[in-house]
Amino acid sequence: ACVLEILVPLAEQNHGLSYLERRR
């Protein structure tokens, strides 16, 4: 849960979103 909270700001950026999508 802590890690997910930390990752939230990355998911708000298009390049961050692309990275998260590549990692499924």
PDB file of all heavy atoms in Angstrom:
ATOM      1  N   ALA A   1       0.837  -1.203   0.000  1.00  0.00           N
ATOM      2  CA  ALA A   1       0.000   0.000   0.000  1.00  0.00           C
ATOM      3  C   ALA A   1       0.870   1.251   0.000  1.00  0.00           C
ATOM      4  O   ALA A   1       0.580   2.229  -0.707  1.00  0.00           O
ATOM      5  CB  ALA A   1      -0.926  -0.008   1.210  1.00  0.00           C
ATOM      6  N   CYS A   2       1.952   1.225   0.786  1.00  0.00           N
ATOM      7  CA  CYS A   2       2.869   2.368   0.842  1.00  0.00           C
ATOM      8  C   CYS A   2       3.503   2.621  -0.521  1.00  0.00           C
ATOM      9  O   CYS A   2       3.588   3.765  -0.981  1.00  0.00           O
ATOM     10  CB  CYS A   2       3.932   2.106   1.895  1.00  0.00           C
ATOM     11  SG  CYS A   2       5.140   3.423   2.067  1.00  0.00           S
ATOM     12  N   VAL A   3       3.942   1.561  -1.186  1.00  0.00           N
ATOM     13  CA  VAL A   3       4.578   1.706  -2.499  1.00  0.00           C
ATOM     14  C   VAL A   3       3.589   2.253  -3.524  1.00  0.00           C
ATOM     15  O   VAL A   3       3.926   3.117  -4.338  1.00  0.00           O
ATOM     16  CB  VAL A   3       5.169   0.360  -2.957  1.00  0.00           C
ATOM     17  CG1 VAL A   3       5.638   0.441  -4.410  1.00  0.00           C
ATOM     18  CG2 VAL A   3       6.328  -0.042  -2.058  1.00  0.00           C
ATOM     19  N   LEU A   4       2.355   1.765  -3.486  1.00  0.00           N
ATOM     20  CA  LEU A   4       1.341   2.279  -4.417  1.00  0.00           C
ATOM     21  C   LEU A   4       1.121   3.774  -4.219  1.00  0.00           C
ATOM     22  O   LEU A   4       0.996   4.535  -5.184  1.00  0.00           O
ATOM     23  CB  LEU A   4       0.022   1.536  -4.227  1.00  0.00           C
ATOM     24  CG  LEU A   4      -0.162   0.240  -5.008  1.00  0.00           C
ATOM     25  CD1 LEU A   4      -1.495  -0.406  -4.642  1.00  0.00           C
ATOM     26  CD2 LEU A   4      -0.102   0.497  -6.506  1.00  0.00           C
ATOM     27  N   GLU A   5       1.062   4.198  -2.955  1.00  0.00           N
ATOM     28  CA  GLU A   5       0.899   5.627  -2.661  1.00  0.00           C
ATOM     29  C   GLU A   5       2.064   6.423  -3.243  1.00  0.00           C
ATOM     30  O   GLU A   5       1.883   7.501  -3.805  1.00  0.00           O
ATOM     31  CB  GLU A   5       0.834   5.840  -1.148  1.00  0.00           C
ATOM     32  CG  GLU A   5      -0.414   5.292  -0.488  1.00  0.00           C
ATOM     33  CD  GLU A   5      -1.594   6.237  -0.567  1.00  0.00           C
ATOM     34  OE1 GLU A   5      -1.386   7.424  -0.855  1.00  0.00           O
ATOM     35  OE2 GLU A   5      -2.723   5.784  -0.325  1.00  0.00           O
ATOM     36  N   ILE A   6       3.272   5.880  -3.118  1.00  0.00           N
ATOM     37  CA  ILE A   6       4.461   6.565  -3.625  1.00  0.00           C
ATOM     38  C   ILE A   6       4.414   6.681  -5.145  1.00  0.00           C
ATOM     39  O   ILE A   6       4.831   7.699  -5.718  1.00  0.00           O
ATOM     40  CB  ILE A   6       5.729   5.813  -3.174  1.00  0.00           C
ATOM     41  CG1 ILE A   6       5.923   5.970  -1.662  1.00  0.00           C
ATOM     42  CG2 ILE A   6       6.963   6.324  -3.909  1.00  0.00           C
ATOM     43  CD1 ILE A   6       7.000   5.081  -1.080  1.00  0.00           C
ATOM     44  N   LEU A   7       3.878   5.662  -5.815  1.00  0.00           N
ATOM     45  CA  LEU A   7       3.870   5.635  -7.278  1.00  0.00           C
ATOM     46  C   LEU A   7       2.809   6.547  -7.902  1.00  0.00           C
ATOM     47  O   LEU A   7       2.859   6.818  -9.103  1.00  0.00           O
ATOM     48  CB  LEU A   7       3.653   4.199  -7.777  1.00  0.00           C
ATOM     49  CG  LEU A   7       4.804   3.223  -7.551  1.00  0.00           C
ATOM     50  CD1 LEU A   7       4.351   1.802  -7.902  1.00  0.00           C
ATOM     51  CD2 LEU A   7       6.019   3.606  -8.378  1.00  0.00           C
ATOM     52  N   VAL A   8       1.853   7.005  -7.089  1.00  0.00           N
ATOM     53  CA  VAL A   8       0.737   7.791  -7.629  1.00  0.00           C
ATOM     54  C   VAL A   8       1.186   8.986  -8.471  1.00  0.00           C
ATOM     55  O   VAL A   8       0.699   9.182  -9.592  1.00  0.00           O
ATOM     56  CB  VAL A   8      -0.218   8.240  -6.500  1.00  0.00           C
ATOM     57  CG1 VAL A   8      -1.151   9.348  -6.979  1.00  0.00           C
ATOM     58  CG2 VAL A   8      -1.046   7.057  -6.013  1.00  0.00           C
ATOM     59  N   PRO A   9       2.122   9.842  -7.998  1.00  0.00           N
ATOM     60  CA  PRO A   9       2.517  11.000  -8.823  1.00  0.00           C
ATOM     61  C   PRO A   9       3.099  10.601 -10.174  1.00  0.00           C
ATOM     62  O   PRO A   9       2.968  11.338 -11.149  1.00  0.00           O
ATOM     63  CB  PRO A   9       3.576  11.710  -7.966  1.00  0.00           C
ATOM     64  CG  PRO A   9       3.285  11.278  -6.568  1.00  0.00           C
ATOM     65  CD  PRO A   9       2.814   9.867  -6.689  1.00  0.00           C
ATOM     66  N   LEU A  10       3.739   9.436 -10.244  1.00  0.00           N
ATOM     67  CA  LEU A  10       4.294   8.964 -11.511  1.00  0.00           C
ATOM     68  C   LEU A  10       3.180   8.647 -12.494  1.00  0.00           C
ATOM     69  O   LEU A  10       3.301   8.904 -13.697  1.00  0.00           O
ATOM     70  CB  LEU A  10       5.154   7.722 -11.264  1.00  0.00           C
ATOM     71  CG  LEU A  10       5.997   7.206 -12.440  1.00  0.00           C
ATOM     72  CD1 LEU A  10       6.989   8.265 -12.892  1.00  0.00           C
ATOM     73  CD2 LEU A  10       6.720   5.926 -12.047  1.00  0.00           C
ATOM     74  N   ALA A  11       2.070   8.130 -11.968  1.00  0.00           N
ATOM     75  CA  ALA A  11       0.944   7.760 -12.834  1.00  0.00           C
ATOM     76  C   ALA A  11       0.230   8.974 -13.408  1.00  0.00           C
ATOM     77  O   ALA A  11      -0.560   8.847 -14.346  1.00  0.00           O
ATOM     78  CB  ALA A  11      -0.046   6.902 -12.040  1.00  0.00           C
ATOM     79  N   GLU A  12       0.501  10.168 -12.878  1.00  0.00           N
ATOM     80  CA  GLU A  12      -0.152  11.383 -13.370  1.00  0.00           C
ATOM     81  C   GLU A  12       0.566  11.980 -14.572  1.00  0.00           C
ATOM     82  O   GLU A  12       0.070  12.923 -15.179  1.00  0.00           O
ATOM     83  CB  GLU A  12      -0.221  12.420 -12.246  1.00  0.00           C
ATOM     84  CG  GLU A  12      -1.088  11.993 -11.071  1.00  0.00           C
ATOM     85  CD  GLU A  12      -1.052  13.014  -9.954  1.00  0.00           C
ATOM     86  OE1 GLU A  12      -0.004  13.160  -9.309  1.00  0.00           O
ATOM     87  OE2 GLU A  12      -2.074  13.675  -9.730  1.00  0.00           O
ATOM     88  N   GLN A  13       1.762  11.462 -14.881  1.00  0.00           N
ATOM     89  CA  GLN A  13       2.551  11.991 -16.004  1.00  0.00           C
ATOM     90  C   GLN A  13       2.478  11.014 -17.172  1.00  0.00           C
ATOM     91  O   GLN A  13       2.546   9.799 -16.978  1.00  0.00           O
ATOM     92  CB  GLN A  13       4.015  12.180 -15.589  1.00  0.00           C
ATOM     93  CG  GLN A  13       4.195  12.907 -14.268  1.00  0.00           C
ATOM     94  CD  GLN A  13       3.650  14.312 -14.299  1.00  0.00           C
ATOM     95  OE1 GLN A  13       3.773  15.005 -15.314  1.00  0.00           O
ATOM     96  NE2 GLN A  13       3.050  14.760 -13.209  1.00  0.00           N
ATOM     97  N   ASN A  14       2.376  11.540 -18.389  1.00  0.00           N
ATOM     98  CA  ASN A  14       2.242  10.648 -19.547  1.00  0.00           C
ATOM     99  C   ASN A  14       3.443   9.720 -19.703  1.00  0.00           C
ATOM    100  O   ASN A  14       3.284   8.531 -19.993  1.00  0.00           O
ATOM    101  CB  ASN A  14       2.040  11.477 -20.820  1.00  0.00           C
ATOM    102  CG  ASN A  14       0.632  12.042 -20.921  1.00  0.00           C
ATOM    103  OD1 ASN A  14      -0.328  11.390 -20.520  1.00  0.00           O
ATOM    104  ND2 ASN A  14       0.506  13.251 -21.423  1.00  0.00           N
ATOM    105  N   HIS A  15       4.673  10.253 -19.510  1.00  0.00           N
ATOM    106  CA  HIS A  15       5.840   9.380 -19.659  1.00  0.00           C
ATOM    107  C   HIS A  15       5.906   8.368 -18.518  1.00  0.00           C
ATOM    108  O   HIS A  15       6.360   7.238 -18.702  1.00  0.00           O
ATOM    109  CB  HIS A  15       7.137  10.204 -19.728  1.00  0.00           C
ATOM    110  CG  HIS A  15       7.453  10.975 -18.500  1.00  0.00           C
ATOM    111  ND1 HIS A  15       6.907  12.208 -18.231  1.00  0.00           N
ATOM    112  CD2 HIS A  15       8.259  10.691 -17.437  1.00  0.00           C
ATOM    113  CE1 HIS A  15       7.365  12.653 -17.076  1.00  0.00           C
ATOM    114  NE2 HIS A  15       8.191  11.744 -16.566  1.00  0.00           N
ATOM    115  N   GLY A  16       5.417   8.769 -17.330  1.00  0.00           N
ATOM    116  CA  GLY A  16       5.360   7.826 -16.219  1.00  0.00           C
ATOM    117  C   GLY A  16       4.321   6.752 -16.463  1.00  0.00           C
ATOM    118  O   GLY A  16       4.523   5.573 -16.143  1.00  0.00           O
ATOM    119  N   LEU A  17       3.211   7.183 -17.032  1.00  0.00           N
ATOM    120  CA  LEU A  17       2.139   6.243 -17.363  1.00  0.00           C
ATOM    121  C   LEU A  17       2.618   5.208 -18.381  1.00  0.00           C
ATOM    122  O   LEU A  17       2.316   4.014 -18.272  1.00  0.00           O
ATOM    123  CB  LEU A  17       0.949   7.025 -17.911  1.00  0.00           C
ATOM    124  CG  LEU A  17      -0.431   6.379 -17.833  1.00  0.00           C
ATOM    125  CD1 LEU A  17      -0.754   5.925 -16.427  1.00  0.00           C
ATOM    126  CD2 LEU A  17      -1.481   7.368 -18.326  1.00  0.00           C
ATOM    127  N   SER A  18       3.388   5.664 -19.356  1.00  0.00           N
ATOM    128  CA  SER A  18       3.925   4.748 -20.372  1.00  0.00           C
ATOM    129  C   SER A  18       4.835   3.708 -19.726  1.00  0.00           C
ATOM    130  O   SER A  18       4.784   2.518 -20.075  1.00  0.00           O
ATOM    131  CB  SER A  18       4.703   5.539 -21.433  1.00  0.00           C
ATOM    132  OG  SER A  18       3.860   6.418 -22.120  1.00  0.00           O
ATOM    133  N   TYR A  19       5.657   4.149 -18.778  1.00  0.00           N
ATOM    134  CA  TYR A  19       6.541   3.216 -18.079  1.00  0.00           C
ATOM    135  C   TYR A  19       5.718   2.168 -17.320  1.00  0.00           C
ATOM    136  O   TYR A  19       6.001   0.957 -17.386  1.00  0.00           O
ATOM    137  CB  TYR A  19       7.446   3.982 -17.110  1.00  0.00           C
ATOM    138  CG  TYR A  19       8.075   3.116 -16.053  1.00  0.00           C
ATOM    139  CD1 TYR A  19       9.176   2.313 -16.353  1.00  0.00           C
ATOM    140  CD2 TYR A  19       7.556   3.072 -14.760  1.00  0.00           C
ATOM    141  CE1 TYR A  19       9.749   1.487 -15.379  1.00  0.00           C
ATOM    142  CE2 TYR A  19       8.126   2.259 -13.789  1.00  0.00           C
ATOM    143  CZ  TYR A  19       9.214   1.468 -14.102  1.00  0.00           C
ATOM    144  OH  TYR A  19       9.755   0.659 -13.147  1.00  0.00           O
ATOM    145  N   LEU A  20       4.689   2.619 -16.601  1.00  0.00           N
ATOM    146  CA  LEU A  20       3.863   1.696 -15.830  1.00  0.00           C
ATOM    147  C   LEU A  20       3.123   0.721 -16.736  1.00  0.00           C
ATOM    148  O   LEU A  20       2.933  -0.452 -16.377  1.00  0.00           O
ATOM    149  CB  LEU A  20       2.876   2.484 -14.967  1.00  0.00           C
ATOM    150  CG  LEU A  20       3.505   3.356 -13.874  1.00  0.00           C
ATOM    151  CD1 LEU A  20       2.454   4.241 -13.221  1.00  0.00           C
ATOM    152  CD2 LEU A  20       4.195   2.493 -12.819  1.00  0.00           C
ATOM    153  N   GLU A  21       2.708   1.200 -17.889  1.00  0.00           N
ATOM    154  CA  GLU A  21       2.038   0.309 -18.843  1.00  0.00           C
ATOM    155  C   GLU A  21       3.000  -0.747 -19.372  1.00  0.00           C
ATOM    156  O   GLU A  21       2.631  -1.921 -19.522  1.00  0.00           O
ATOM    157  CB  GLU A  21       1.446   1.120 -19.996  1.00  0.00           C
ATOM    158  CG  GLU A  21       0.214   1.932 -19.605  1.00  0.00           C
ATOM    159  CD  GLU A  21      -0.307   2.772 -20.752  1.00  0.00           C
ATOM    160  OE1 GLU A  21       0.518   3.325 -21.504  1.00  0.00           O
ATOM    161  OE2 GLU A  21      -1.534   2.858 -20.898  1.00  0.00           O
ATOM    162  N   ARG A  22       4.234  -0.345 -19.667  1.00  0.00           N
ATOM    163  CA  ARG A  22       5.224  -1.308 -20.164  1.00  0.00           C
ATOM    164  C   ARG A  22       5.489  -2.385 -19.117  1.00  0.00           C
ATOM    165  O   ARG A  22       5.763  -3.535 -19.466  1.00  0.00           O
ATOM    166  CB  ARG A  22       6.544  -0.597 -20.507  1.00  0.00           C
ATOM    167  CG  ARG A  22       6.488   0.317 -21.709  1.00  0.00           C
ATOM    168  CD  ARG A  22       7.890   0.637 -22.223  1.00  0.00           C
ATOM    169  NE  ARG A  22       8.780   1.177 -21.205  1.00  0.00           N
ATOM    170  CZ  ARG A  22       8.868   2.458 -20.893  1.00  0.00           C
ATOM    171  NH1 ARG A  22       8.081   3.340 -21.514  1.00  0.00           N
ATOM    172  NH2 ARG A  22       9.725   2.875 -19.974  1.00  0.00           N
ATOM    173  N   ARG A  23       5.402  -2.019 -17.864  1.00  0.00           N
ATOM    174  CA  ARG A  23       5.633  -2.980 -16.782  1.00  0.00           C
ATOM    175  C   ARG A  23       4.349  -3.712 -16.381  1.00  0.00           C
ATOM    176  O   ARG A  23       4.351  -4.456 -15.408  1.00  0.00           O
ATOM    177  CB  ARG A  23       6.211  -2.263 -15.555  1.00  0.00           C
ATOM    178  CG  ARG A  23       7.594  -1.648 -15.772  1.00  0.00           C
ATOM    179  CD  ARG A  23       8.636  -2.735 -16.021  1.00  0.00           C
ATOM    180  NE  ARG A  23       9.991  -2.224 -15.986  1.00  0.00           N
ATOM    181  CZ  ARG A  23      10.654  -1.766 -17.035  1.00  0.00           C
ATOM    182  NH1 ARG A  23      10.065  -1.751 -18.223  1.00  0.00           N
ATOM    183  NH2 ARG A  23      11.903  -1.333 -16.925  1.00  0.00           N
ATOM    184  N   ARG A  24       3.261  -3.471 -17.094  1.00  0.00           N
ATOM    185  CA  ARG A  24       1.963  -4.144 -16.883  1.00  0.00           C
ATOM    186  C   ARG A  24       1.459  -3.977 -15.437  1.00  0.00           C
ATOM    187  O   ARG A  24       0.822  -4.861 -14.856  1.00  0.00           O
ATOM    188  CB  ARG A  24       2.068  -5.633 -17.241  1.00  0.00           C
ATOM    189  CG  ARG A  24       2.466  -5.879 -18.690  1.00  0.00           C
ATOM    190  CD  ARG A  24       2.507  -7.363 -19.013  1.00  0.00           C
ATOM    191  NE  ARG A  24       1.196  -7.987 -18.847  1.00  0.00           N
ATOM    192  CZ  ARG A  24       0.200  -7.931 -19.728  1.00  0.00           C
ATOM    193  NH1 ARG A  24       0.380  -7.258 -20.867  1.00  0.00           N
ATOM    194  NH2 ARG A  24      -0.940  -8.526 -19.497  1.00  0.00           N
TER     195      ARG A  24
END
